[in-house]
Amino acid sequence: MTTDGTVPAPPPGLRESKKQETRQLISDVATGLFLAQGFEQTTIAEIAAAARVAKKTVTNYFPRKEDLALDHQDAFAASLAETVTGRQPGESALAALRRAFVDAAANADPVAGFSGPEFARMIADSPTLSARLRDLHDLREAALADALADATGTPRDAIAPRAAAALLGALHRTLFQRIQELTLAGQDNAHISATVIAEADSAFDLLEPSLAHYATA
């Protein structure tokens, strides 16, 4: 307490930490409810009550209900663009994306599509989440197109980076769906990783003739 009798505000670092704890609590509670009773059936009011926060607190942290379930969405949307931006000297965009996918699959990265059977089923059973996931794939492709344009010194509205992004985005979308498919079929992550790494090798080979040297650092 200060000399004038007021309680001092917590330092900025502590405030930020508290916000992050609250956000994580709400996300964890929401995920538990979604898995237990379905995404479409769960309300924001139920999540707020279970987390012991106000309904407005939930919507302040998560403006849309889908945000509560797809908590990796920002990393997902930026992932391909960041891989291209961070490619190694002499490495093409295709080679960088190929390498990054293999690493992600080997580590069962959620951003690549590894979510576990309960979560995969929740998405498959929810029209809202399925639609949002399609939107995120589109956003990821658009960000990749911008990154490819910047990497090749091409205007962002040019057709070449957009076409390349469409090809690469479609490949990653297909691999993501394949991981979800195998997850729903009951395969464990080790088997899924081995399967999709082998399949990705063949799929990336299909793009080699046109993109092997495109956007080389």
Protein backbone atom coordinates (compact mmCIF):
# COMPACT_ATOMS: atom_id res chain seq x y z
CA MET A 1 0.00 0.00 0.00
CA THR A 2 1.25 3.48 -0.85
CA THR A 3 1.47 6.43 1.55
CA ASP A 4 -1.88 7.78 0.37
CA GLY A 5 -3.59 4.51 1.23
CA THR A 6 -4.06 3.18 -2.31
CA VAL A 7 -2.93 -0.20 -3.53
CA PRO A 8 -0.24 0.17 -6.21
CA ALA A 9 -0.91 -1.31 -9.61
CA PRO A 10 1.03 -4.47 -10.35
CA PRO A 11 4.12 -3.99 -12.52
CA PRO A 12 3.59 -4.32 -16.29
CA GLY A 13 5.27 -7.73 -16.43
CA LEU A 14 2.98 -9.10 -13.73
CA ARG A 15 -0.12 -7.67 -15.40
CA GLU A 16 0.84 -9.29 -18.69
CA SER A 17 1.51 -12.58 -16.93
CA LYS A 18 -1.91 -12.46 -15.26
CA LYS A 19 -3.57 -11.76 -18.60
CA GLN A 20 -1.80 -14.71 -20.17
CA GLU A 21 -2.83 -16.97 -17.29
CA THR A 22 -6.47 -15.89 -17.65
CA ARG A 23 -6.36 -16.41 -21.40
CA GLN A 24 -4.88 -19.88 -21.00
CA LEU A 25 -7.42 -20.79 -18.32
CA ILE A 26 -10.33 -19.79 -20.55
CA SER A 27 -8.83 -21.68 -23.50
CA ASP A 28 -8.28 -24.84 -21.45
CA VAL A 29 -11.79 -24.75 -19.97
CA ALA A 30 -13.33 -24.15 -23.40
CA THR A 31 -11.40 -27.02 -24.97
CA GLY A 32 -12.56 -29.37 -22.22
CA LEU A 33 -16.18 -28.39 -22.77
CA PHE A 34 -15.90 -28.61 -26.56
CA LEU A 35 -14.47 -32.13 -26.34
CA ALA A 36 -17.06 -33.22 -23.78
CA GLN A 37 -20.21 -31.89 -25.42
CA GLY A 38 -19.29 -30.64 -28.90
CA PHE A 39 -18.31 -27.24 -30.23
CA GLU A 40 -21.70 -26.30 -31.63
CA GLN A 41 -23.49 -27.31 -28.42
CA THR A 42 -21.25 -25.30 -26.09
CA THR A 43 -22.09 -21.65 -25.37
CA ILE A 44 -19.88 -18.75 -24.40
CA ALA A 45 -21.97 -18.39 -21.22
CA GLU A 46 -21.16 -21.98 -20.24
CA ILE A 47 -17.46 -21.38 -20.83
CA ALA A 48 -17.51 -18.19 -18.75
CA ALA A 49 -19.30 -19.93 -15.90
CA ALA A 50 -16.92 -22.89 -15.90
CA ALA A 51 -13.88 -20.57 -15.99
CA ARG A 52 -15.43 -18.32 -13.30
CA VAL A 53 -15.06 -15.19 -15.37
CA ALA A 54 -17.54 -12.77 -16.92
CA LYS A 55 -18.88 -13.56 -20.38
CA LYS A 56 -17.38 -10.28 -21.59
CA THR A 57 -13.97 -11.41 -20.34
CA VAL A 58 -14.19 -14.45 -22.61
CA THR A 59 -15.11 -12.36 -25.66
CA ASN A 60 -12.42 -9.78 -24.86
CA TYR A 61 -9.77 -12.48 -25.10
CA PHE A 62 -11.49 -14.48 -27.84
CA PRO A 63 -13.72 -12.30 -30.09
CA ARG A 64 -15.06 -15.34 -31.93
CA LYS A 65 -16.04 -18.68 -30.47
CA GLU A 66 -13.86 -20.44 -33.05
CA ASP A 67 -10.81 -18.66 -31.60
CA LEU A 68 -11.27 -20.69 -28.42
CA ALA A 69 -10.87 -23.95 -30.28
CA LEU A 70 -8.27 -23.04 -32.90
CA ASP A 71 -5.70 -21.47 -30.62
CA HIS A 72 -2.80 -22.09 -33.06
CA GLN A 73 -4.49 -20.18 -35.85
CA ASP A 74 -2.10 -17.22 -35.94
CA ALA A 75 0.94 -19.50 -36.13
CA PHE A 76 -0.83 -21.61 -38.73
CA ALA A 77 -1.70 -18.68 -41.01
CA ALA A 78 1.87 -17.34 -40.87
CA SER A 79 3.73 -20.66 -41.02
CA LEU A 80 4.42 -21.02 -44.76
CA ALA A 81 5.30 -17.36 -45.24
CA GLU A 82 7.70 -17.46 -42.31
CA THR A 83 9.38 -20.56 -43.71
CA VAL A 84 9.99 -18.80 -47.03
CA THR A 85 11.22 -15.63 -45.34
CA GLY A 86 13.61 -17.64 -43.18
CA ARG A 87 14.92 -19.97 -45.90
CA GLN A 88 18.63 -20.71 -45.93
CA PRO A 89 21.10 -19.18 -48.39
CA GLY A 90 20.85 -20.97 -51.72
CA GLU A 91 17.61 -22.66 -50.69
CA SER A 92 14.50 -22.32 -52.85
CA ALA A 93 11.05 -21.72 -51.42
CA LEU A 94 10.05 -25.27 -52.37
CA ALA A 95 13.09 -26.79 -50.67
CA ALA A 96 12.53 -24.73 -47.53
CA LEU A 97 8.86 -25.67 -47.32
CA ARG A 98 9.69 -29.31 -47.95
CA ARG A 99 12.27 -29.33 -45.18
CA ALA A 100 9.95 -27.53 -42.78
CA PHE A 101 7.09 -29.94 -43.40
CA VAL A 102 9.27 -32.98 -42.77
CA ASP A 103 10.50 -31.45 -39.51
CA ALA A 104 6.95 -30.59 -38.44
CA ALA A 105 5.66 -34.06 -39.28
CA ALA A 106 8.55 -35.73 -37.47
CA ASN A 107 7.72 -33.67 -34.36
CA ALA A 108 3.93 -34.20 -34.66
CA ASP A 109 3.47 -30.42 -34.72
CA PRO A 110 -0.16 -29.29 -34.15
CA VAL A 111 0.32 -26.56 -36.76
CA ALA A 112 0.93 -29.28 -39.37
CA GLY A 113 -2.33 -30.99 -38.41
CA PHE A 114 -1.47 -33.29 -35.52
CA SER A 115 -4.30 -32.77 -33.04
CA GLY A 116 -5.27 -36.11 -31.54
CA PRO A 117 -8.43 -38.08 -32.38
CA GLU A 118 -10.82 -36.24 -30.05
CA PHE A 119 -9.86 -32.81 -31.37
CA ALA A 120 -9.88 -33.99 -35.00
CA ARG A 121 -13.36 -35.43 -34.51
CA MET A 122 -14.56 -32.21 -32.89
CA ILE A 123 -13.48 -30.22 -35.96
CA ALA A 124 -14.91 -32.76 -38.40
CA ASP A 125 -18.27 -32.71 -36.60
CA SER A 126 -18.49 -28.90 -36.49
CA PRO A 127 -19.56 -27.02 -39.65
CA THR A 128 -18.38 -23.78 -38.00
CA LEU A 129 -14.87 -25.04 -37.24
CA SER A 130 -14.56 -26.77 -40.62
CA ALA A 131 -15.45 -23.50 -42.37
CA ARG A 132 -13.02 -21.53 -40.23
CA LEU A 133 -10.25 -24.01 -41.01
CA ARG A 134 -10.86 -23.49 -44.72
CA ASP A 135 -10.59 -19.75 -44.15
CA LEU A 136 -7.28 -20.24 -42.36
CA HIS A 137 -5.90 -22.28 -45.26
CA ASP A 138 -6.86 -19.41 -47.56
CA LEU A 139 -5.22 -16.86 -45.27
CA ARG A 140 -2.07 -18.98 -45.11
CA GLU A 141 -1.93 -19.17 -48.90
CA ALA A 142 -2.40 -15.40 -49.24
CA ALA A 143 0.42 -14.73 -46.75
CA LEU A 144 2.63 -17.17 -48.66
CA ALA A 145 1.89 -15.36 -51.93
CA ASP A 146 3.02 -12.07 -50.38
CA ALA A 147 6.19 -13.68 -49.04
CA LEU A 148 7.00 -15.18 -52.45
CA ALA A 149 6.42 -11.84 -54.14
CA ASP A 150 8.77 -10.13 -51.71
CA ALA A 151 11.34 -12.91 -52.09
CA THR A 152 11.40 -12.55 -55.87
CA GLY A 153 11.11 -8.76 -56.03
CA THR A 154 7.74 -9.09 -57.75
CA PRO A 155 4.66 -6.91 -57.16
CA ARG A 156 2.28 -8.56 -54.71
CA ASP A 157 -0.55 -8.49 -57.26
CA ALA A 158 1.54 -10.31 -59.89
CA ILE A 159 0.28 -13.69 -61.06
CA ALA A 160 3.51 -15.71 -60.62
CA PRO A 161 3.77 -15.60 -56.79
CA ARG A 162 0.04 -16.10 -56.47
CA ALA A 163 0.16 -19.15 -58.75
CA ALA A 164 3.15 -20.59 -56.91
CA ALA A 165 1.42 -20.01 -53.58
CA ALA A 166 -1.72 -21.73 -54.88
CA LEU A 167 0.30 -24.83 -55.79
CA LEU A 168 2.25 -24.90 -52.54
CA GLY A 169 -0.79 -24.01 -50.46
CA ALA A 170 -2.85 -26.79 -52.05
CA LEU A 171 -0.10 -29.29 -51.31
CA HIS A 172 0.06 -28.29 -47.66
CA ARG A 173 -3.73 -28.28 -47.40
CA THR A 174 -3.79 -31.83 -48.78
CA LEU A 175 -1.12 -32.99 -46.35
CA PHE A 176 -2.97 -31.36 -43.43
CA GLN A 177 -6.16 -33.16 -44.44
CA ARG A 178 -4.25 -36.42 -44.79
CA ILE A 179 -2.97 -36.10 -41.23
CA GLN A 180 -6.50 -35.46 -39.99
CA GLU A 181 -7.79 -38.42 -41.99
CA LEU A 182 -5.21 -40.79 -40.53
CA THR A 183 -5.86 -39.41 -37.05
CA LEU A 184 -9.58 -40.09 -37.36
CA ALA A 185 -8.75 -43.59 -38.61
CA GLY A 186 -7.14 -44.25 -35.23
CA GLN A 187 -3.49 -44.28 -36.22
CA ASP A 188 -0.94 -43.06 -33.68
CA ASN A 189 1.34 -40.09 -34.33
CA ALA A 190 4.43 -42.19 -35.03
CA HIS A 191 2.65 -44.09 -37.80
CA ILE A 192 1.04 -40.93 -39.17
CA SER A 193 4.42 -39.16 -39.26
CA ALA A 194 6.08 -42.01 -41.15
CA THR A 195 3.19 -42.21 -43.62
CA VAL A 196 2.89 -38.51 -44.42
CA ILE A 197 6.64 -37.94 -44.65
CA ALA A 198 6.83 -40.64 -47.34
CA GLU A 199 3.75 -39.30 -49.11
CA ALA A 200 4.99 -35.71 -48.89
CA ASP A 201 8.22 -36.75 -50.58
CA SER A 202 6.28 -37.92 -53.64
CA ALA A 203 3.98 -34.91 -53.55
CA PHE A 204 6.79 -32.35 -53.38
CA ASP A 205 8.53 -34.18 -56.25
CA LEU A 206 5.55 -33.31 -58.44
CA LEU A 207 6.32 -29.60 -58.02
CA GLU A 208 10.07 -29.88 -58.57
CA PRO A 209 9.97 -29.39 -62.37
CA SER A 210 8.27 -26.00 -62.08
CA LEU A 211 9.39 -24.65 -58.70
CA ALA A 212 12.79 -26.20 -57.95
CA HIS A 213 14.60 -22.89 -58.46
CA TYR A 214 11.82 -20.43 -57.74
CA ALA A 215 12.46 -17.85 -55.01
CA THR A 216 15.95 -19.10 -54.22
CA ALA A 217 17.63 -17.13 -51.42
